[in-house]
Amino acid sequence: MIKNIKHTKSFKQDLEKYKDNPQLKQLVEILKDLSNNKTNFFLGPSSKNRKEYHMENGLLLIYRIDTDILYLERFGSHTELFQQ
């Protein structure tokens, strides 16, 4: 079970863009799922153990779990997060 949640500066900035989005209410439920190791997708070996959680309407939560800490790294649409 995860005991601590930490976030990056990028995550906080991403979240600010979506502050009026009703999907943010889902974030609490998603964090519960993640704390129980449910519904996650590994991004691949070059991603440094990052995983993504696919939300409705194409939003993604990118995170990683180390020991008992959940690190929230990015939040947004696939296009915003993976544009080159």
PDB file of N, CA and C in Angstrom:
ATOM      1  N   MET A   1       0.843  -1.192   0.000  1.00  0.00           N
ATOM      2  CA  MET A   1       0.000   0.000   0.000  1.00  0.00           C
ATOM      3  C   MET A   1       0.878   1.242   0.000  1.00  0.00           C
ATOM      4  N   ILE A   2       0.529   2.203  -0.811  1.00  0.00           N
ATOM      5  CA  ILE A   2       1.293   3.433  -0.915  1.00  0.00           C
ATOM      6  C   ILE A   2       0.964   4.345   0.261  1.00  0.00           C
ATOM      7  N   LYS A   3       2.009   4.885   0.867  1.00  0.00           N
ATOM      8  CA  LYS A   3       1.818   5.744   2.025  1.00  0.00           C
ATOM      9  C   LYS A   3       1.985   7.221   1.700  1.00  0.00           C
ATOM     10  N   ASN A   4       2.811   7.527   0.724  1.00  0.00           N
ATOM     11  CA  ASN A   4       3.090   8.922   0.397  1.00  0.00           C
ATOM     12  C   ASN A   4       2.857   9.187  -1.086  1.00  0.00           C
ATOM     13  N   ILE A   5       2.392  10.390  -1.386  1.00  0.00           N
ATOM     14  CA  ILE A   5       2.226  10.827  -2.765  1.00  0.00           C
ATOM     15  C   ILE A   5       3.015  12.121  -2.923  1.00  0.00           C
ATOM     16  N   LYS A   6       3.850  12.152  -3.946  1.00  0.00           N
ATOM     17  CA  LYS A   6       4.624  13.348  -4.255  1.00  0.00           C
ATOM     18  C   LYS A   6       4.375  13.697  -5.715  1.00  0.00           C
ATOM     19  N   HIS A   7       4.561  14.967  -6.047  1.00  0.00           N
ATOM     20  CA  HIS A   7       4.352  15.375  -7.438  1.00  0.00           C
ATOM     21  C   HIS A   7       5.494  16.261  -7.904  1.00  0.00           C
ATOM     22  N   THR A   8       5.692  16.251  -9.208  1.00  0.00           N
ATOM     23  CA  THR A   8       6.720  17.087  -9.803  1.00  0.00           C
ATOM     24  C   THR A   8       6.150  18.484 -10.060  1.00  0.00           C
ATOM     25  N   LYS A   9       7.036  19.406 -10.326  1.00  0.00           N
ATOM     26  CA  LYS A   9       6.629  20.764 -10.682  1.00  0.00           C
ATOM     27  C   LYS A   9       5.823  20.737 -11.988  1.00  0.00           C
ATOM     28  N   SER A  10       6.235  19.877 -12.924  1.00  0.00           N
ATOM     29  CA  SER A  10       5.520  19.743 -14.197  1.00  0.00           C
ATOM     30  C   SER A  10       4.091  19.259 -13.984  1.00  0.00           C
ATOM     31  N   PHE A  11       3.915  18.311 -13.070  1.00  0.00           N
ATOM     32  CA  PHE A  11       2.577  17.798 -12.775  1.00  0.00           C
ATOM     33  C   PHE A  11       1.693  18.921 -12.243  1.00  0.00           C
ATOM     34  N   LYS A  12       2.232  19.704 -11.345  1.00  0.00           N
ATOM     35  CA  LYS A  12       1.464  20.811 -10.763  1.00  0.00           C
ATOM     36  C   LYS A  12       1.059  21.809 -11.848  1.00  0.00           C
ATOM     37  N   GLN A  13       1.965  22.120 -12.768  1.00  0.00           N
ATOM     38  CA  GLN A  13       1.659  23.024 -13.872  1.00  0.00           C
ATOM     39  C   GLN A  13       0.617  22.417 -14.807  1.00  0.00           C
ATOM     40  N   ASP A  14       0.748  21.125 -15.085  1.00  0.00           N
ATOM     41  CA  ASP A  14      -0.233  20.429 -15.932  1.00  0.00           C
ATOM     42  C   ASP A  14      -1.615  20.475 -15.292  1.00  0.00           C
ATOM     43  N   LEU A  15      -1.675  20.212 -14.018  1.00  0.00           N
ATOM     44  CA  LEU A  15      -2.937  20.171 -13.289  1.00  0.00           C
ATOM     45  C   LEU A  15      -3.624  21.530 -13.319  1.00  0.00           C
ATOM     46  N   GLU A  16      -2.844  22.583 -13.251  1.00  0.00           N
ATOM     47  CA  GLU A  16      -3.383  23.940 -13.280  1.00  0.00           C
ATOM     48  C   GLU A  16      -4.147  24.210 -14.576  1.00  0.00           C
ATOM     49  N   LYS A  17      -3.688  23.640 -15.690  1.00  0.00           N
ATOM     50  CA  LYS A  17      -4.363  23.814 -16.984  1.00  0.00           C
ATOM     51  C   LYS A  17      -5.757  23.190 -16.985  1.00  0.00           C
ATOM     52  N   TYR A  18      -5.956  22.182 -16.152  1.00  0.00           N
ATOM     53  CA  TYR A  18      -7.209  21.422 -16.133  1.00  0.00           C
ATOM     54  C   TYR A  18      -8.040  21.687 -14.883  1.00  0.00           C
ATOM     55  N   LYS A  19      -7.764  22.783 -14.195  1.00  0.00           N
ATOM     56  CA  LYS A  19      -8.419  23.019 -12.910  1.00  0.00           C
ATOM     57  C   LYS A  19      -9.947  23.085 -12.988  1.00  0.00           C
ATOM     58  N   ASP A  20     -10.490  23.441 -14.139  1.00  0.00           N
ATOM     59  CA  ASP A  20     -11.949  23.509 -14.292  1.00  0.00           C
ATOM     60  C   ASP A  20     -12.534  22.273 -14.965  1.00  0.00           C
ATOM     61  N   ASN A  21     -11.715  21.273 -15.239  1.00  0.00           N
ATOM     62  CA  ASN A  21     -12.163  20.064 -15.920  1.00  0.00           C
ATOM     63  C   ASN A  21     -12.826  19.128 -14.909  1.00  0.00           C
ATOM     64  N   PRO A  22     -14.050  18.693 -15.179  1.00  0.00           N
ATOM     65  CA  PRO A  22     -14.745  17.803 -14.243  1.00  0.00           C
ATOM     66  C   PRO A  22     -14.035  16.458 -14.037  1.00  0.00           C
ATOM     67  N   GLN A  23     -13.139  16.088 -14.948  1.00  0.00           N
ATOM     68  CA  GLN A  23     -12.434  14.815 -14.798  1.00  0.00           C
ATOM     69  C   GLN A  23     -11.444  14.821 -13.638  1.00  0.00           C
ATOM     70  N   LEU A  24     -11.110  15.977 -13.134  1.00  0.00           N
ATOM     71  CA  LEU A  24     -10.188  16.016 -12.000  1.00  0.00           C
ATOM     72  C   LEU A  24     -10.776  15.320 -10.776  1.00  0.00           C
ATOM     73  N   LYS A  25     -12.094  15.266 -10.714  1.00  0.00           N
ATOM     74  CA  LYS A  25     -12.740  14.558  -9.608  1.00  0.00           C
ATOM     75  C   LYS A  25     -12.402  13.067  -9.653  1.00  0.00           C
ATOM     76  N   GLN A  26     -12.128  12.567 -10.859  1.00  0.00           N
ATOM     77  CA  GLN A  26     -11.761  11.155 -11.013  1.00  0.00           C
ATOM     78  C   GLN A  26     -10.383  10.875 -10.430  1.00  0.00           C
ATOM     79  N   LEU A  27      -9.580  11.897 -10.281  1.00  0.00           N
ATOM     80  CA  LEU A  27      -8.205  11.709  -9.847  1.00  0.00           C
ATOM     81  C   LEU A  27      -8.125  11.000  -8.497  1.00  0.00           C
ATOM     82  N   VAL A  28      -9.034  11.309  -7.594  1.00  0.00           N
ATOM     83  CA  VAL A  28      -9.044  10.662  -6.276  1.00  0.00           C
ATOM     84  C   VAL A  28      -9.246   9.160  -6.437  1.00  0.00           C
ATOM     85  N   GLU A  29     -10.196   8.772  -7.277  1.00  0.00           N
ATOM     86  CA  GLU A  29     -10.450   7.342  -7.508  1.00  0.00           C
ATOM     87  C   GLU A  29      -9.261   6.678  -8.188  1.00  0.00           C
ATOM     88  N   ILE A  30      -8.650   7.392  -9.116  1.00  0.00           N
ATOM     89  CA  ILE A  30      -7.478   6.852  -9.804  1.00  0.00           C
ATOM     90  C   ILE A  30      -6.345   6.612  -8.806  1.00  0.00           C
ATOM     91  N   LEU A  31      -6.130   7.557  -7.911  1.00  0.00           N
ATOM     92  CA  LEU A  31      -5.068   7.401  -6.913  1.00  0.00           C
ATOM     93  C   LEU A  31      -5.343   6.203  -6.007  1.00  0.00           C
ATOM     94  N   LYS A  32      -6.604   5.959  -5.713  1.00  0.00           N
ATOM     95  CA  LYS A  32      -6.950   4.757  -4.930  1.00  0.00           C
ATOM     96  C   LYS A  32      -6.599   3.497  -5.711  1.00  0.00           C
ATOM     97  N   ASP A  33      -6.937   3.482  -7.013  1.00  0.00           N
ATOM     98  CA  ASP A  33      -6.609   2.329  -7.847  1.00  0.00           C
ATOM     99  C   ASP A  33      -5.104   2.101  -7.904  1.00  0.00           C
ATOM    100  N   LEU A  34      -4.366   3.185  -8.093  1.00  0.00           N
ATOM    101  CA  LEU A  34      -2.915   3.069  -8.186  1.00  0.00           C
ATOM    102  C   LEU A  34      -2.300   2.581  -6.874  1.00  0.00           C
ATOM    103  N   SER A  35      -2.862   2.997  -5.773  1.00  0.00           N
ATOM    104  CA  SER A  35      -2.324   2.563  -4.485  1.00  0.00           C
ATOM    105  C   SER A  35      -2.555   1.062  -4.260  1.00  0.00           C
ATOM    106  N   ASN A  36      -3.503   0.502  -5.009  1.00  0.00           N
ATOM    107  CA  ASN A  36      -3.763  -0.935  -4.942  1.00  0.00           C
ATOM    108  C   ASN A  36      -3.208  -1.670  -6.161  1.00  0.00           C
ATOM    109  N   ASN A  37      -2.322  -1.006  -6.899  1.00  0.00           N
ATOM    110  CA  ASN A  37      -1.656  -1.571  -8.073  1.00  0.00           C
ATOM    111  C   ASN A  37      -2.628  -2.048  -9.149  1.00  0.00           C
ATOM    112  N   LYS A  38      -3.663  -1.279  -9.408  1.00  0.00           N
ATOM    113  CA  LYS A  38      -4.628  -1.615 -10.449  1.00  0.00           C
ATOM    114  C   LYS A  38      -4.449  -0.698 -11.650  1.00  0.00           C
ATOM    115  N   THR A  39      -4.780  -1.186 -12.819  1.00  0.00           N
ATOM    116  CA  THR A  39      -4.903  -0.421 -14.054  1.00  0.00           C
ATOM    117  C   THR A  39      -3.718   0.490 -14.324  1.00  0.00           C
ATOM    118  N   ASN A  40      -2.614  -0.089 -14.731  1.00  0.00           N
ATOM    119  CA  ASN A  40      -1.501   0.742 -15.148  1.00  0.00           C
ATOM    120  C   ASN A  40      -0.820   0.112 -16.341  1.00  0.00           C
ATOM    121  N   PHE A  41      -0.154   0.943 -17.110  1.00  0.00           N
ATOM    122  CA  PHE A  41       0.508   0.499 -18.325  1.00  0.00           C
ATOM    123  C   PHE A  41       1.953   0.968 -18.293  1.00  0.00           C
ATOM    124  N   PHE A  42       2.867   0.041 -18.420  1.00  0.00           N
ATOM    125  CA  PHE A  42       4.290   0.348 -18.422  1.00  0.00           C
ATOM    126  C   PHE A  42       4.658   1.028 -19.724  1.00  0.00           C
ATOM    127  N   LEU A  43       5.413   2.111 -19.650  1.00  0.00           N
ATOM    128  CA  LEU A  43       5.752   2.877 -20.847  1.00  0.00           C
ATOM    129  C   LEU A  43       6.948   2.339 -21.608  1.00  0.00           C
ATOM    130  N   GLY A  44       7.640   1.346 -21.088  1.00  0.00           N
ATOM    131  CA  GLY A  44       8.771   0.756 -21.797  1.00  0.00           C
ATOM    132  C   GLY A  44      10.086   0.953 -21.057  1.00  0.00           C
ATOM    133  N   PRO A  45      11.104   0.215 -21.466  1.00  0.00           N
ATOM    134  CA  PRO A  45      12.373   0.211 -20.733  1.00  0.00           C
ATOM    135  C   PRO A  45      13.095   1.558 -20.690  1.00  0.00           C
ATOM    136  N   SER A  46      12.879   2.413 -21.671  1.00  0.00           N
ATOM    137  CA  SER A  46      13.562   3.703 -21.666  1.00  0.00           C
ATOM    138  C   SER A  46      12.838   4.755 -20.827  1.00  0.00           C
ATOM    139  N   SER A  47      11.723   4.381 -20.208  1.00  0.00           N
ATOM    140  CA  SER A  47      10.901   5.350 -19.483  1.00  0.00           C
ATOM    141  C   SER A  47      11.225   5.446 -17.999  1.00  0.00           C
ATOM    142  N   LYS A  48      12.256   4.738 -17.536  1.00  0.00           N
ATOM    143  CA  LYS A  48      12.670   4.785 -16.128  1.00  0.00           C
ATOM    144  C   LYS A  48      11.520   4.414 -15.187  1.00  0.00           C
ATOM    145  N   ASN A  49      10.857   3.301 -15.486  1.00  0.00           N
ATOM    146  CA  ASN A  49       9.775   2.750 -14.666  1.00  0.00           C
ATOM    147  C   ASN A  49       8.515   3.601 -14.620  1.00  0.00           C
ATOM    148  N   ARG A  50       8.345   4.513 -15.544  1.00  0.00           N
ATOM    149  CA  ARG A  50       7.129   5.324 -15.581  1.00  0.00           C
ATOM    150  C   ARG A  50       5.988   4.489 -16.155  1.00  0.00           C
ATOM    151  N   LYS A  51       4.801   4.793 -15.664  1.00  0.00           N
ATOM    152  CA  LYS A  51       3.599   4.129 -16.140  1.00  0.00           C
ATOM    153  C   LYS A  51       2.579   5.194 -16.480  1.00  0.00           C
ATOM    154  N   GLU A  52       1.556   4.801 -17.213  1.00  0.00           N
ATOM    155  CA  GLU A  52       0.502   5.753 -17.543  1.00  0.00           C
ATOM    156  C   GLU A  52      -0.863   5.166 -17.216  1.00  0.00           C
ATOM    157  N   TYR A  53      -1.749   6.030 -16.811  1.00  0.00           N
ATOM    158  CA  TYR A  53      -3.127   5.674 -16.513  1.00  0.00           C
ATOM    159  C   TYR A  53      -3.990   6.428 -17.518  1.00  0.00           C
ATOM    160  N   HIS A  54      -4.755   5.701 -18.331  1.00  0.00           N
ATOM    161  CA  HIS A  54      -5.606   6.313 -19.353  1.00  0.00           C
ATOM    162  C   HIS A  54      -6.951   6.676 -18.748  1.00  0.00           C
ATOM    163  N   MET A  55      -7.261   7.963 -18.813  1.00  0.00           N
ATOM    164  CA  MET A  55      -8.547   8.449 -18.321  1.00  0.00           C
ATOM    165  C   MET A  55      -9.490   8.635 -19.514  1.00  0.00           C
ATOM    166  N   GLU A  56     -10.725   8.963 -19.212  1.00  0.00           N
ATOM    167  CA  GLU A  56     -11.697   9.250 -20.258  1.00  0.00           C
ATOM    168  C   GLU A  56     -11.269  10.502 -21.022  1.00  0.00           C
ATOM    169  N   ASN A  57     -11.773  10.655 -22.204  1.00  0.00           N
ATOM    170  CA  ASN A  57     -11.503  11.814 -23.069  1.00  0.00           C
ATOM    171  C   ASN A  57     -10.029  11.993 -23.404  1.00  0.00           C
ATOM    172  N   GLY A  58      -9.256  10.914 -23.359  1.00  0.00           N
ATOM    173  CA  GLY A  58      -7.876  10.964 -23.811  1.00  0.00           C
ATOM    174  C   GLY A  58      -6.866  11.556 -22.850  1.00  0.00           C
ATOM    175  N   LEU A  59      -7.240  11.807 -21.619  1.00  0.00           N
ATOM    176  CA  LEU A  59      -6.274  12.333 -20.653  1.00  0.00           C
ATOM    177  C   LEU A  59      -5.429  11.208 -20.077  1.00  0.00           C
ATOM    178  N   LEU A  60      -4.175  11.529 -19.797  1.00  0.00           N
ATOM    179  CA  LEU A  60      -3.230  10.561 -19.248  1.00  0.00           C
ATOM    180  C   LEU A  60      -2.638  11.082 -17.946  1.00  0.00           C
ATOM    181  N   LEU A  61      -2.406  10.181 -17.034  1.00  0.00           N
ATOM    182  CA  LEU A  61      -1.651  10.462 -15.823  1.00  0.00           C
ATOM    183  C   LEU A  61      -0.377   9.639 -15.918  1.00  0.00           C
ATOM    184  N   ILE A  62       0.768  10.295 -15.913  1.00  0.00           N
ATOM    185  CA  ILE A  62       2.052   9.590 -15.953  1.00  0.00           C
ATOM    186  C   ILE A  62       2.634   9.620 -14.547  1.00  0.00           C
ATOM    187  N   TYR A  63       3.051   8.455 -14.078  1.00  0.00           N
ATOM    188  CA  TYR A  63       3.508   8.323 -12.701  1.00  0.00           C
ATOM    189  C   TYR A  63       4.552   7.224 -12.600  1.00  0.00           C
ATOM    190  N   ARG A  64       5.154   7.134 -11.436  1.00  0.00           N
ATOM    191  CA  ARG A  64       6.015   5.999 -11.112  1.00  0.00           C
ATOM    192  C   ARG A  64       5.860   5.707  -9.636  1.00  0.00           C
ATOM    193  N   ILE A  65       6.134   4.479  -9.276  1.00  0.00           N
ATOM    194  CA  ILE A  65       6.039   4.057  -7.883  1.00  0.00           C
ATOM    195  C   ILE A  65       7.392   3.518  -7.453  1.00  0.00           C
ATOM    196  N   ASP A  66       7.943   4.087  -6.402  1.00  0.00           N
ATOM    197  CA  ASP A  66       9.185   3.614  -5.797  1.00  0.00           C
ATOM    198  C   ASP A  66       8.891   3.262  -4.348  1.00  0.00           C
ATOM    199  N   THR A  67       9.114   2.019  -4.007  1.00  0.00           N
ATOM    200  CA  THR A  67       8.844   1.498  -2.664  1.00  0.00           C
ATOM    201  C   THR A  67       7.412   1.834  -2.270  1.00  0.00           C
ATOM    202  N   ASP A  68       7.213   2.783  -1.361  1.00  0.00           N
ATOM    203  CA  ASP A  68       5.858   3.123  -0.928  1.00  0.00           C
ATOM    204  C   ASP A  68       5.491   4.564  -1.274  1.00  0.00           C
ATOM    205  N   ILE A  69       6.143   5.124  -2.299  1.00  0.00           N
ATOM    206  CA  ILE A  69       5.866   6.490  -2.721  1.00  0.00           C
ATOM    207  C   ILE A  69       5.336   6.495  -4.160  1.00  0.00           C
ATOM    208  N   LEU A  70       4.226   7.182  -4.360  1.00  0.00           N
ATOM    209  CA  LEU A  70       3.650   7.383  -5.682  1.00  0.00           C
ATOM    210  C   LEU A  70       4.069   8.772  -6.155  1.00  0.00           C
ATOM    211  N   TYR A  71       4.846   8.819  -7.226  1.00  0.00           N
ATOM    212  CA  TYR A  71       5.297  10.078  -7.806  1.00  0.00           C
ATOM    213  C   TYR A  71       4.409  10.419  -8.999  1.00  0.00           C
ATOM    214  N   LEU A  72       3.695  11.520  -8.912  1.00  0.00           N
ATOM    215  CA  LEU A  72       2.856  11.992 -10.007  1.00  0.00           C
ATOM    216  C   LEU A  72       3.721  12.909 -10.860  1.00  0.00           C
ATOM    217  N   GLU A  73       3.915  12.544 -12.130  1.00  0.00           N
ATOM    218  CA  GLU A  73       4.875  13.267 -12.952  1.00  0.00           C
ATOM    219  C   GLU A  73       4.256  14.193 -13.987  1.00  0.00           C
ATOM    220  N   ARG A  74       3.241  13.726 -14.716  1.00  0.00           N
ATOM    221  CA  ARG A  74       2.620  14.558 -15.763  1.00  0.00           C
ATOM    222  C   ARG A  74       1.136  14.232 -15.840  1.00  0.00           C
ATOM    223  N   PHE A  75       0.366  15.190 -16.379  1.00  0.00           N
ATOM    224  CA  PHE A  75      -1.068  15.019 -16.550  1.00  0.00           C
ATOM    225  C   PHE A  75      -1.510  15.837 -17.745  1.00  0.00           C
ATOM    226  N   GLY A  76      -2.215  15.231 -18.682  1.00  0.00           N
ATOM    227  CA  GLY A  76      -2.720  15.963 -19.837  1.00  0.00           C
ATOM    228  C   GLY A  76      -3.092  15.019 -20.963  1.00  0.00           C
ATOM    229  N   SER A  77      -3.362  15.618 -22.109  1.00  0.00           N
ATOM    230  CA  SER A  77      -3.706  14.804 -23.275  1.00  0.00           C
ATOM    231  C   SER A  77      -2.449  14.156 -23.840  1.00  0.00           C
ATOM    232  N   HIS A  78      -2.646  13.116 -24.599  1.00  0.00           N
ATOM    233  CA  HIS A  78      -1.525  12.406 -25.227  1.00  0.00           C
ATOM    234  C   HIS A  78      -0.718  13.372 -26.097  1.00  0.00           C
ATOM    235  N   THR A  79      -1.421  14.206 -26.848  1.00  0.00           N
ATOM    236  CA  THR A  79      -0.750  15.167 -27.722  1.00  0.00           C
ATOM    237  C   THR A  79       0.111  16.152 -26.924  1.00  0.00           C
ATOM    238  N   GLU A  80      -0.415  16.671 -25.834  1.00  0.00           N
ATOM    239  CA  GLU A  80       0.341  17.623 -25.010  1.00  0.00           C
ATOM    240  C   GLU A  80       1.586  16.983 -24.400  1.00  0.00           C
ATOM    241  N   LEU A  81       1.456  15.766 -23.958  1.00  0.00           N
ATOM    242  CA  LEU A  81       2.543  15.131 -23.220  1.00  0.00           C
ATOM    243  C   LEU A  81       3.612  14.513 -24.114  1.00  0.00           C
ATOM    244  N   PHE A  82       3.222  14.091 -25.318  1.00  0.00           N
ATOM    245  CA  PHE A  82       4.167  13.376 -26.177  1.00  0.00           C
ATOM    246  C   PHE A  82       4.481  14.093 -27.481  1.00  0.00           C
ATOM    247  N   GLN A  83       4.141  15.351 -27.591  1.00  0.00           N
ATOM    248  CA  GLN A  83       4.494  16.075 -28.818  1.00  0.00           C
ATOM    249  C   GLN A  83       5.986  16.323 -28.847  1.00  0.00           C
ATOM    250  N   GLN A  84       6.558  16.273 -30.011  1.00  0.00           N
ATOM    251  CA  GLN A  84       8.018  16.411 -30.162  1.00  0.00           C
ATOM    252  C   GLN A  84       8.388  17.809 -30.542  1.00  0.00           C
TER     253      GLN A  84
END
